[in-house]
Amino acid sequence: MKSSFKLGRILGIEIGIHASWFIIFALLSWSLSVAYYPSIDENISPFTGWTLGILSSLLLFGSVLAHELGHSFIAIRQGIPVKSIDLFIFGGVSNLTKEPDNPAAEFRMAISGPAVSIVLALVFWVFQIVFSSQNATLAGVFLYLAQINAMLAIFNLIPGFPLDGGRVLRAIIWNASNDIRRATRISAGVGLGFAYLLIFGGIAAAFLGIGISGLWLALIGWFLASAAQGSFQQTVISEILREVNISRVMKREFKTIEPDNTLYQALHEYILPLNQRALPVFENGKLAGLISLSDIKKIPTNQLNQTSVRQAMTPFEKLRTVGPEEHLGNVLNLLQSEDINQLPVLSEGKLIGLISRTDLIEYLQMRQEIETGQLNSKH
């Protein structure tokens, strides 16, 4: 996610917070410190109120992170690498490198997050009971965390895509129909219905005088509506790509370069004139590596004439490659997970083509134009 600040890694997963996180963190800390904790203890000092407000907000976002780690842990167990987790204004998101391959994996991944939240709610509730007779303010901290984790679990279990409950619903329909596109369309439709309910309900509440709470509901509804539509479109794209082999889309004609050429030559004699972002590097008739525009950009401009392709290229042993009979869905997964722009296509150890992000985009645009033209011709 863009505009994220990286905090570190847990289980090898990069953890980041979106800039919007700071907004909700400040609002939560303020509301807890000036309203919630003074209602529990009217003699509480402003310093203690703010300390507990900030602590509670941090623990809340820690709970959201635990919820997302629950999804991520199960995803990794299902063989799906998780690139990162981002916390943002409405919660968090686990950025998977690909979607589950079967409904059982989808179900386990979807239910794991709410399960973590329910466990946390029960743990905090027990702490609240233990401290209720000893320290009412501390018990209030645990009560708040128990309630918020329970709400997080209940909200996410609403059966509308892309909420966890929507993914559970999709897994059930997918298992029954063996059609992930149909399952996604139905669960996303339920998600859109719930989102519009929040939007119109929030607007109505705002006009009735509830004010900021109604506007928050409407904003959450708008966010869910956008996410439901985007998730359905992403599923359709993934399904389209799974139906097509790489050999149908890859570029079979491309220029190659020798490792002793300079980066200046690679850029100005090949990449720019030919509009070819990556060049296979051949030595003694064999593929030795790949030099890309991204590799060249890492080298200062005044050193391009003194730096050879060999020094900057990705060597063959480190290259990610694909076969011509693999489907485009694998290409998309690799490009996203490895954060690269193109892949060499090998057959029996020989380079027969290149496939890139641009090729995927152009293919999808062509499919869309064809389908739109067919739809118009029917009318």
Protein backbone atom coordinates (compact mmCIF):
# COMPACT_ATOMS: atom_id res chain seq x y z
CA MET A 1 0.00 0.00 0.00
CA LYS A 2 1.31 3.46 -0.89
CA SER A 3 2.16 6.09 1.73
CA SER A 4 3.04 3.43 4.30
CA PHE A 5 5.75 3.65 6.94
CA LYS A 6 7.61 0.39 7.54
CA LEU A 7 7.89 -0.76 11.14
CA GLY A 8 9.79 -4.04 10.77
CA ARG A 9 9.07 -7.72 10.17
CA ILE A 10 7.14 -10.43 12.00
CA LEU A 11 7.36 -14.04 10.76
CA GLY A 12 9.23 -12.62 7.78
CA ILE A 13 6.25 -10.38 6.90
CA GLU A 14 6.88 -6.66 6.46
CA ILE A 15 4.68 -4.58 8.77
CA GLY A 16 3.71 -1.04 7.81
CA ILE A 17 1.27 1.66 8.84
CA HIS A 18 -0.56 3.87 6.36
CA ALA A 19 -0.46 7.64 6.87
CA SER A 20 -4.19 7.56 7.68
CA TRP A 21 -3.39 5.44 10.75
CA PHE A 22 -2.08 8.50 12.56
CA ILE A 23 -5.42 10.28 12.10
CA ILE A 24 -7.51 7.58 13.74
CA PHE A 25 -4.83 6.99 16.40
CA ALA A 26 -4.96 10.64 17.44
CA LEU A 27 -8.79 10.71 17.43
CA LEU A 28 -9.04 7.50 19.46
CA SER A 29 -6.47 8.61 22.00
CA TRP A 30 -8.23 11.95 22.41
CA SER A 31 -11.75 10.50 22.77
CA LEU A 32 -10.64 7.87 25.28
CA SER A 33 -8.64 10.34 27.35
CA VAL A 34 -11.29 13.11 27.58
CA ALA A 35 -14.50 11.04 27.61
CA TYR A 36 -14.16 7.31 28.26
CA TYR A 37 -11.73 7.18 31.18
CA PRO A 38 -13.10 10.28 32.97
CA SER A 39 -16.53 8.56 32.88
CA ILE A 40 -15.00 5.62 34.78
CA ASP A 41 -13.03 7.73 37.26
CA GLU A 42 -14.09 11.38 37.56
CA ASN A 43 -10.97 12.13 39.62
CA ILE A 44 -8.55 10.88 36.96
CA SER A 45 -5.83 13.38 36.05
CA PRO A 46 -5.43 14.59 32.46
CA PHE A 47 -1.96 13.01 32.31
CA THR A 48 -3.28 9.59 33.41
CA GLY A 49 -6.24 9.91 31.05
CA TRP A 50 -3.98 10.63 28.08
CA THR A 51 -1.55 7.88 29.09
CA LEU A 52 -4.36 5.32 29.23
CA GLY A 53 -5.88 6.68 26.00
CA ILE A 54 -2.61 6.29 24.10
CA LEU A 55 -1.96 2.87 25.65
CA SER A 56 -5.45 1.66 24.76
CA SER A 57 -5.10 2.90 21.18
CA LEU A 58 -1.78 1.11 20.81
CA LEU A 59 -3.27 -2.10 22.20
CA LEU A 60 -6.22 -1.74 19.84
CA PHE A 61 -3.95 -1.54 16.82
CA GLY A 62 -1.92 -4.39 18.27
CA SER A 63 -5.16 -6.38 18.28
CA VAL A 64 -5.78 -5.46 14.64
CA LEU A 65 -2.25 -6.57 13.81
CA ALA A 66 -2.84 -9.88 15.62
CA HIS A 67 -6.05 -10.31 13.59
CA GLU A 68 -4.11 -9.85 10.34
CA LEU A 69 -1.27 -12.10 11.53
CA GLY A 70 -3.90 -14.79 12.07
CA HIS A 71 -4.83 -14.55 8.38
CA SER A 72 -1.19 -14.43 7.34
CA PHE A 73 -0.09 -17.40 9.44
CA ILE A 74 -2.77 -19.63 7.93
CA ALA A 75 -1.99 -18.29 4.44
CA ILE A 76 1.66 -19.27 4.85
CA ARG A 77 0.57 -22.71 6.09
CA GLN A 78 -1.48 -23.03 2.87
CA GLY A 79 1.61 -22.27 0.78
CA ILE A 80 0.62 -18.67 0.02
CA PRO A 81 3.44 -16.20 0.76
CA VAL A 82 2.42 -12.95 2.45
CA LYS A 83 4.27 -9.89 1.20
CA SER A 84 3.24 -7.42 3.89
CA ILE A 85 0.64 -6.26 6.40
CA ASP A 86 -0.52 -2.64 6.39
CA LEU A 87 -2.48 -0.96 9.19
CA PHE A 88 -4.66 1.91 8.01
CA ILE A 89 -7.60 4.07 9.02
CA PHE A 90 -10.23 1.30 9.05
CA GLY A 91 -8.13 -1.61 10.32
CA GLY A 92 -5.57 -3.64 8.41
CA VAL A 93 -4.92 -5.70 5.31
CA SER A 94 -2.68 -8.68 4.59
CA ASN A 95 -1.14 -8.38 1.13
CA LEU A 96 -1.08 -11.94 -0.27
CA THR A 97 0.99 -12.78 -3.33
CA LYS A 98 -1.91 -14.84 -4.73
CA GLU A 99 -5.45 -15.94 -3.95
CA PRO A 100 -6.22 -19.38 -2.44
CA ASP A 101 -6.41 -22.24 -4.94
CA ASN A 102 -9.37 -23.99 -3.32
CA PRO A 103 -12.39 -23.15 -1.14
CA ALA A 104 -11.07 -25.04 1.90
CA ALA A 105 -7.94 -22.87 2.01
CA GLU A 106 -10.08 -19.74 1.52
CA PHE A 107 -12.34 -20.76 4.43
CA ARG A 108 -9.45 -21.46 6.82
CA MET A 109 -7.72 -18.19 5.97
CA ALA A 110 -10.92 -16.14 6.29
CA ILE A 111 -12.05 -17.55 9.62
CA SER A 112 -8.61 -17.32 11.28
CA GLY A 113 -8.68 -13.51 11.73
CA PRO A 114 -12.05 -13.33 13.54
CA ALA A 115 -10.99 -16.38 15.60
CA VAL A 116 -7.95 -14.44 16.86
CA SER A 117 -10.15 -11.44 17.70
CA ILE A 118 -12.61 -13.64 19.62
CA VAL A 119 -9.78 -15.20 21.64
CA LEU A 120 -8.39 -11.75 22.44
CA ALA A 121 -11.85 -10.53 23.48
CA LEU A 122 -12.19 -13.46 25.90
CA VAL A 123 -8.69 -12.93 27.32
CA PHE A 124 -9.29 -9.20 27.91
CA TRP A 125 -12.71 -9.98 29.40
CA VAL A 126 -11.10 -12.34 31.93
CA PHE A 127 -8.55 -9.65 32.82
CA GLN A 128 -11.42 -7.18 33.28
CA ILE A 129 -13.10 -9.53 35.76
CA VAL A 130 -9.85 -10.11 37.65
CA PHE A 131 -9.09 -6.38 38.04
CA SER A 132 -12.66 -5.11 38.50
CA SER A 133 -12.46 -5.38 42.30
CA GLN A 134 -8.91 -4.02 42.53
CA ASN A 135 -8.59 -1.16 40.04
CA ALA A 136 -11.69 0.12 38.25
CA THR A 137 -9.68 2.24 35.79
CA LEU A 138 -7.41 -0.65 34.75
CA ALA A 139 -10.46 -2.87 34.50
CA GLY A 140 -11.92 -0.24 32.17
CA VAL A 141 -8.91 -0.60 29.87
CA PHE A 142 -9.47 -4.34 29.60
CA LEU A 143 -13.23 -3.89 29.18
CA TYR A 144 -12.68 -1.51 26.28
CA LEU A 145 -10.24 -3.91 24.60
CA ALA A 146 -12.60 -6.86 25.12
CA GLN A 147 -15.49 -4.95 23.57
CA ILE A 148 -13.49 -3.61 20.63
CA ASN A 149 -12.08 -7.06 19.77
CA ALA A 150 -15.57 -8.57 19.95
CA MET A 151 -16.85 -5.80 17.65
CA LEU A 152 -13.92 -6.39 15.29
CA ALA A 153 -14.80 -10.10 15.08
CA ILE A 154 -18.54 -9.48 14.61
CA PHE A 155 -18.05 -6.75 11.99
CA ASN A 156 -15.61 -8.87 9.97
CA LEU A 157 -17.98 -11.86 10.06
CA ILE A 158 -20.69 -9.94 8.18
CA PRO A 159 -21.16 -12.11 5.04
CA GLY A 160 -20.19 -9.47 2.49
CA PHE A 161 -17.03 -9.56 0.37
CA PRO A 162 -14.25 -8.50 0.98
CA LEU A 163 -14.90 -8.80 4.75
CA ASP A 164 -13.85 -12.09 6.32
CA GLY A 165 -17.46 -13.21 6.52
CA GLY A 166 -17.79 -12.49 2.80
CA ARG A 167 -14.78 -14.68 2.12
CA VAL A 168 -16.35 -17.44 4.22
CA LEU A 169 -19.53 -17.07 2.16
CA ARG A 170 -17.49 -17.15 -1.05
CA ALA A 171 -15.71 -20.31 0.07
CA ILE A 172 -19.06 -22.03 0.78
CA ILE A 173 -20.57 -21.02 -2.58
CA TRP A 174 -17.32 -21.84 -4.38
CA ASN A 175 -17.28 -25.31 -2.82
CA ALA A 176 -20.92 -25.90 -3.81
CA SER A 177 -20.75 -24.51 -7.35
CA ASN A 178 -17.07 -25.04 -8.24
CA ASP A 179 -17.22 -21.57 -9.80
CA ILE A 180 -15.09 -18.94 -8.03
CA ARG A 181 -16.26 -16.11 -10.30
CA ARG A 182 -19.92 -16.79 -9.48
CA ALA A 183 -19.09 -17.16 -5.79
CA THR A 184 -17.22 -13.85 -5.82
CA ARG A 185 -20.04 -12.08 -7.68
CA ILE A 186 -22.62 -13.21 -5.12
CA SER A 187 -20.52 -12.45 -2.02
CA ALA A 188 -19.43 -9.08 -3.48
CA GLY A 189 -23.10 -8.29 -4.16
CA VAL A 190 -23.91 -8.95 -0.52
CA GLY A 191 -20.95 -6.75 0.44
CA LEU A 192 -22.20 -3.94 -1.77
CA GLY A 193 -25.68 -4.22 -0.26
CA PHE A 194 -24.27 -3.92 3.24
CA ALA A 195 -22.02 -1.04 2.17
CA TYR A 196 -24.96 0.91 0.70
CA LEU A 197 -26.91 0.24 3.91
CA LEU A 198 -24.08 1.85 5.88
CA ILE A 199 -23.83 4.77 3.45
CA PHE A 200 -27.54 5.64 3.43
CA GLY A 201 -27.95 4.81 7.11
CA GLY A 202 -25.00 7.03 7.99
CA ILE A 203 -26.36 9.92 5.89
CA ALA A 204 -29.79 9.54 7.48
CA ALA A 205 -28.22 9.48 10.95
CA ALA A 206 -26.29 12.66 10.16
CA PHE A 207 -29.50 14.45 9.12
CA LEU A 208 -31.23 13.22 12.28
CA GLY A 209 -28.64 14.96 14.38
CA ILE A 210 -26.33 12.09 15.29
CA GLY A 211 -23.66 13.98 13.35
CA ILE A 212 -20.10 12.68 13.21
CA SER A 213 -21.05 9.05 13.97
CA GLY A 214 -23.35 8.98 10.95
CA LEU A 215 -20.66 10.44 8.71
CA TRP A 216 -18.20 7.80 9.92
CA LEU A 217 -20.71 5.05 9.03
CA ALA A 218 -21.17 6.54 5.56
CA LEU A 219 -17.41 6.75 5.05
CA ILE A 220 -16.92 3.12 6.12
CA GLY A 221 -19.73 2.11 3.75
CA TRP A 222 -18.07 3.94 0.85
CA PHE A 223 -14.79 2.21 1.64
CA LEU A 224 -16.44 -1.24 1.70
CA ALA A 225 -18.30 -0.57 -1.56
CA SER A 226 -15.07 0.37 -3.32
CA ALA A 227 -13.28 -2.68 -1.86
CA ALA A 228 -16.08 -5.07 -2.90
CA GLN A 229 -16.08 -3.79 -6.49
CA GLY A 230 -12.29 -3.84 -6.69
CA SER A 231 -12.06 -7.37 -5.27
CA PHE A 232 -14.58 -8.71 -7.78
CA GLN A 233 -12.70 -7.09 -10.67
CA GLN A 234 -9.43 -8.54 -9.38
CA THR A 235 -10.97 -12.02 -9.23
CA VAL A 236 -12.28 -11.71 -12.79
CA ILE A 237 -8.81 -10.64 -13.97
CA SER A 238 -7.17 -13.58 -12.17
CA GLU A 239 -9.63 -16.03 -13.72
CA ILE A 240 -9.05 -14.62 -17.20
CA LEU A 241 -5.29 -14.94 -16.77
CA ARG A 242 -5.60 -18.52 -15.53
CA GLU A 243 -7.28 -19.48 -18.80
CA VAL A 244 -4.38 -18.36 -21.01
CA ASN A 245 -0.94 -19.93 -21.48
CA ILE A 246 2.16 -17.76 -21.49
CA SER A 247 3.04 -18.89 -25.03
CA ARG A 248 0.02 -16.98 -26.38
CA VAL A 249 1.11 -13.62 -24.99
CA MET A 250 4.91 -13.65 -24.61
CA LYS A 251 7.16 -11.68 -26.95
CA ARG A 252 9.09 -14.03 -29.22
CA GLU A 253 11.12 -11.34 -30.95
CA PHE A 254 13.60 -9.44 -28.82
CA LYS A 255 17.14 -8.14 -28.92
CA THR A 256 19.94 -9.60 -26.84
CA ILE A 257 23.17 -8.08 -25.58
CA GLU A 258 26.64 -9.31 -24.59
CA PRO A 259 27.90 -8.95 -21.00
CA ASP A 260 30.92 -6.83 -21.96
CA ASN A 261 28.80 -4.02 -23.44
CA THR A 262 28.52 -0.92 -21.27
CA LEU A 263 25.31 0.15 -19.58
CA TYR A 264 25.39 3.31 -21.70
CA GLN A 265 25.25 1.14 -24.84
CA ALA A 266 22.50 -1.02 -23.35
CA LEU A 267 20.39 2.06 -22.58
CA HIS A 268 20.97 4.23 -25.66
CA GLU A 269 21.49 1.60 -28.37
CA TYR A 270 18.97 -1.00 -27.26
CA ILE A 271 16.46 -0.17 -24.52
CA LEU A 272 15.44 3.35 -25.55
CA PRO A 273 15.45 2.94 -29.38
CA LEU A 274 13.70 -0.46 -29.24
CA ASN A 275 11.38 0.33 -26.29
CA GLN A 276 12.50 -2.98 -24.74
CA ARG A 277 12.78 -2.62 -20.97
CA ALA A 278 14.87 -5.76 -20.47
CA LEU A 279 17.63 -7.41 -22.50
CA PRO A 280 18.65 -11.07 -22.24
CA VAL A 281 22.42 -11.28 -21.82
CA PHE A 282 24.09 -14.02 -23.87
CA GLU A 283 27.64 -15.30 -23.55
CA ASN A 284 29.04 -18.11 -25.70
CA GLY A 285 25.57 -18.82 -27.03
CA LYS A 286 24.04 -19.33 -23.57
CA LEU A 287 21.75 -17.15 -21.45
CA ALA A 288 23.99 -15.55 -18.82
CA GLY A 289 21.49 -13.16 -17.23
CA LEU A 290 19.07 -10.30 -17.75
CA ILE A 291 19.73 -6.56 -17.69
CA SER A 292 16.72 -4.34 -17.14
CA LEU A 293 15.98 -0.65 -17.02
CA SER A 294 15.53 -1.02 -13.26
CA ASP A 295 19.07 -2.44 -12.96
CA ILE A 296 20.52 0.44 -14.97
CA LYS A 297 18.69 3.07 -12.90
CA LYS A 298 20.58 1.89 -9.81
CA ILE A 299 23.87 3.07 -11.35
CA PRO A 300 24.78 6.81 -11.34
CA THR A 301 24.46 8.36 -14.79
CA ASN A 302 28.12 9.42 -14.90
CA GLN A 303 29.21 5.79 -14.40
CA LEU A 304 27.15 4.17 -17.18
CA ASN A 305 30.07 4.32 -19.63
CA GLN A 306 32.43 2.69 -17.14
CA THR A 307 30.06 -0.05 -15.94
CA SER A 308 29.61 -3.26 -17.92
CA VAL A 309 26.34 -5.13 -18.33
CA ARG A 310 27.94 -8.06 -16.49
CA GLN A 311 28.43 -5.94 -13.38
CA ALA A 312 24.78 -4.78 -13.16
CA MET A 313 22.77 -7.66 -14.64
CA THR A 314 20.80 -10.26 -12.70
CA PRO A 315 22.83 -13.45 -13.30
CA PHE A 316 21.13 -16.56 -14.68
CA GLU A 317 21.31 -18.46 -11.38
CA LYS A 318 19.27 -15.72 -9.69
CA LEU A 319 16.70 -15.26 -12.46
CA ARG A 320 13.06 -16.22 -11.93
CA THR A 321 11.85 -17.97 -15.07
CA VAL A 322 8.62 -19.53 -16.36
CA GLY A 323 7.69 -22.14 -18.94
CA PRO A 324 5.57 -21.49 -22.06
CA GLU A 325 2.73 -23.79 -20.93
CA GLU A 326 2.23 -22.12 -17.55
CA HIS A 327 -0.78 -19.83 -17.25
CA LEU A 328 -0.63 -16.05 -16.99
CA GLY A 329 -1.91 -16.22 -13.40
CA ASN A 330 1.49 -17.64 -12.39
CA VAL A 331 3.19 -14.74 -14.16
CA LEU A 332 1.07 -12.21 -12.26
CA ASN A 333 1.84 -13.93 -8.93
CA LEU A 334 5.58 -13.96 -9.61
CA LEU A 335 5.69 -10.36 -10.79
CA GLN A 336 3.82 -9.22 -7.69
CA SER A 337 5.63 -11.38 -5.12
CA GLU A 338 9.12 -10.68 -6.50
CA ASP A 339 8.36 -7.03 -7.40
CA ILE A 340 9.81 -7.43 -10.90
CA ASN A 341 8.61 -6.28 -14.32
CA GLN A 342 9.47 -9.14 -16.67
CA LEU A 343 10.31 -12.85 -16.76
CA PRO A 344 12.31 -14.94 -19.24
CA VAL A 345 10.36 -17.85 -20.77
CA LEU A 346 12.45 -21.03 -21.05
CA SER A 347 11.73 -24.28 -22.87
CA GLU A 348 14.13 -27.18 -22.38
CA GLY A 349 16.64 -24.73 -20.97
CA LYS A 350 16.50 -22.39 -23.96
CA LEU A 351 15.17 -18.84 -23.99
CA ILE A 352 12.14 -18.61 -26.29
CA GLY A 353 10.46 -15.43 -25.12
CA LEU A 354 9.93 -12.64 -22.58
CA ILE A 355 6.74 -11.86 -20.64
CA SER A 356 6.20 -8.56 -18.78
CA ARG A 357 3.64 -6.56 -16.82
CA THR A 358 3.02 -4.50 -19.94
CA ASP A 359 2.18 -7.66 -21.89
CA LEU A 360 -0.42 -8.63 -19.28
CA ILE A 361 -1.98 -5.16 -19.31
CA GLU A 362 -2.13 -5.05 -23.11
CA TYR A 363 -3.71 -8.51 -23.23
CA LEU A 364 -6.37 -7.56 -20.66
CA GLN A 365 -7.12 -4.32 -22.53
CA MET A 366 -7.52 -6.28 -25.77
CA ARG A 367 -9.86 -8.77 -24.09
CA GLN A 368 -11.93 -5.92 -22.68
CA GLU A 369 -12.20 -4.24 -26.09
CA ILE A 370 -13.27 -7.51 -27.72
CA GLU A 371 -15.87 -8.28 -25.03
CA THR A 372 -17.19 -4.70 -25.14
CA GLY A 373 -17.47 -4.89 -28.92
CA GLN A 374 -19.33 -8.20 -28.75
CA LEU A 375 -21.70 -6.78 -26.14
CA ASN A 376 -22.43 -3.70 -28.27
CA SER A 377 -23.02 -5.80 -31.39
CA LYS A 378 -25.78 -7.72 -29.56
CA HIS A 379 -27.64 -4.47 -29.02
